[in-house]
């Protein structure tokens, strides 16, 4: 069974070639963190604006 697995692995390697490493790494993570922080900041601004608007419109 082991020789069958090795044969199939060798065939797949020869047909598909070696896999290239993913080089996105830190820059992709940094981009995601910046986008998430920006989205959170926008959400805070919107919630604050709505809260101030509703609080201002409440009868005293």
C-alpha atoms as a PDB file:
ATOM      1  CA  UNK A   1       0.000   0.000   0.000  1.00  0.00           C
ATOM      2  CA  UNK A   2       2.859   2.376   0.806  1.00  0.00           C
ATOM      3  CA  UNK A   3       4.419   1.966  -2.643  1.00  0.00           C
ATOM      4  CA  UNK A   4       1.029   2.725  -4.222  1.00  0.00           C
ATOM      5  CA  UNK A   5       0.800   5.953  -2.196  1.00  0.00           C
ATOM      6  CA  UNK A   6       4.306   6.958  -3.216  1.00  0.00           C
ATOM      7  CA  UNK A   7       3.577   6.222  -6.872  1.00  0.00           C
ATOM      8  CA  UNK A   8       0.392   8.304  -6.847  1.00  0.00           C
ATOM      9  CA  UNK A   9       2.228  11.117  -5.034  1.00  0.00           C
ATOM     10  CA  UNK A  10       5.038  11.061  -7.572  1.00  0.00           C
ATOM     11  CA  UNK A  11       2.572  11.173 -10.486  1.00  0.00           C
ATOM     12  CA  UNK A  12       0.704  14.114  -8.937  1.00  0.00           C
ATOM     13  CA  UNK A  13       3.992  15.930  -8.292  1.00  0.00           C
ATOM     14  CA  UNK A  14       5.140  15.396 -11.874  1.00  0.00           C
ATOM     15  CA  UNK A  15       1.823  16.479 -13.374  1.00  0.00           C
ATOM     16  CA  UNK A  16       1.112  19.502 -11.145  1.00  0.00           C
ATOM     17  CA  UNK A  17       4.660  20.542 -10.310  1.00  0.00           C
ATOM     18  CA  UNK A  18       5.861  21.807  -6.945  1.00  0.00           C
ATOM     19  CA  UNK A  19       3.600  24.202  -5.070  1.00  0.00           C
ATOM     20  CA  UNK A  20       4.711  27.802  -4.854  1.00  0.00           C
ATOM     21  CA  UNK A  21       4.686  29.281  -1.343  1.00  0.00           C
ATOM     22  CA  UNK A  22       2.057  31.882  -0.500  1.00  0.00           C
ATOM     23  CA  UNK A  23       3.965  35.159  -0.314  1.00  0.00           C
ATOM     24  CA  UNK A  24       1.157  37.411   0.906  1.00  0.00           C
ATOM     25  CA  UNK A  25       2.226  36.938   4.541  1.00  0.00           C
ATOM     26  CA  UNK A  26       2.487  39.971   6.770  1.00  0.00           C
ATOM     27  CA  UNK A  27       1.386  42.567   4.208  1.00  0.00           C
ATOM     28  CA  UNK A  28      -1.964  40.801   3.728  1.00  0.00           C
ATOM     29  CA  UNK A  29      -2.470  40.573   7.495  1.00  0.00           C
ATOM     30  CA  UNK A  30      -1.590  44.238   7.912  1.00  0.00           C
ATOM     31  CA  UNK A  31      -4.008  45.235   5.168  1.00  0.00           C
ATOM     32  CA  UNK A  32      -6.801  43.222   6.805  1.00  0.00           C
ATOM     33  CA  UNK A  33      -6.069  44.815  10.205  1.00  0.00           C
ATOM     34  CA  UNK A  34      -6.151  48.327   8.745  1.00  0.00           C
ATOM     35  CA  UNK A  35      -9.422  47.662   6.924  1.00  0.00           C
ATOM     36  CA  UNK A  36     -10.971  46.198  10.083  1.00  0.00           C
ATOM     37  CA  UNK A  37      -9.858  49.183  12.167  1.00  0.00           C
ATOM     38  CA  UNK A  38     -11.290  51.569   9.573  1.00  0.00           C
ATOM     39  CA  UNK A  39     -14.616  49.744   9.493  1.00  0.00           C
ATOM     40  CA  UNK A  40     -14.781  49.784  13.298  1.00  0.00           C
ATOM     41  CA  UNK A  41     -14.032  53.521  13.367  1.00  0.00           C
ATOM     42  CA  UNK A  42     -16.775  54.232  10.830  1.00  0.00           C
ATOM     43  CA  UNK A  43     -19.226  52.129  12.855  1.00  0.00           C
ATOM     44  CA  UNK A  44     -18.370  54.065  16.026  1.00  0.00           C
ATOM     45  CA  UNK A  45     -18.901  57.388  14.249  1.00  0.00           C
ATOM     46  CA  UNK A  46     -22.289  56.285  12.870  1.00  0.00           C
ATOM     47  CA  UNK A  47     -23.508  54.933  16.228  1.00  0.00           C
ATOM     48  CA  UNK A  48     -22.362  58.094  17.998  1.00  0.00           C
ATOM     49  CA  UNK A  49     -24.090  60.335  15.439  1.00  0.00           C
ATOM     50  CA  UNK A  50     -27.357  58.403  15.705  1.00  0.00           C
ATOM     51  CA  UNK A  51     -27.205  58.403  19.513  1.00  0.00           C
ATOM     52  CA  UNK A  52     -26.615  62.157  19.616  1.00  0.00           C
ATOM     53  CA  UNK A  53     -29.437  62.770  17.122  1.00  0.00           C
ATOM     54  CA  UNK A  54     -31.945  60.634  19.033  1.00  0.00           C
ATOM     55  CA  UNK A  55     -30.907  62.082  22.391  1.00  0.00           C
ATOM     56  CA  UNK A  56     -31.317  65.602  21.031  1.00  0.00           C
ATOM     57  CA  UNK A  57     -34.829  64.841  19.707  1.00  0.00           C
ATOM     58  CA  UNK A  58     -36.150  63.333  22.961  1.00  0.00           C
ATOM     59  CA  UNK A  59     -38.646  65.503  24.849  1.00  0.00           C
ATOM     60  CA  UNK A  60     -37.316  66.980  28.049  1.00  0.00           C
END
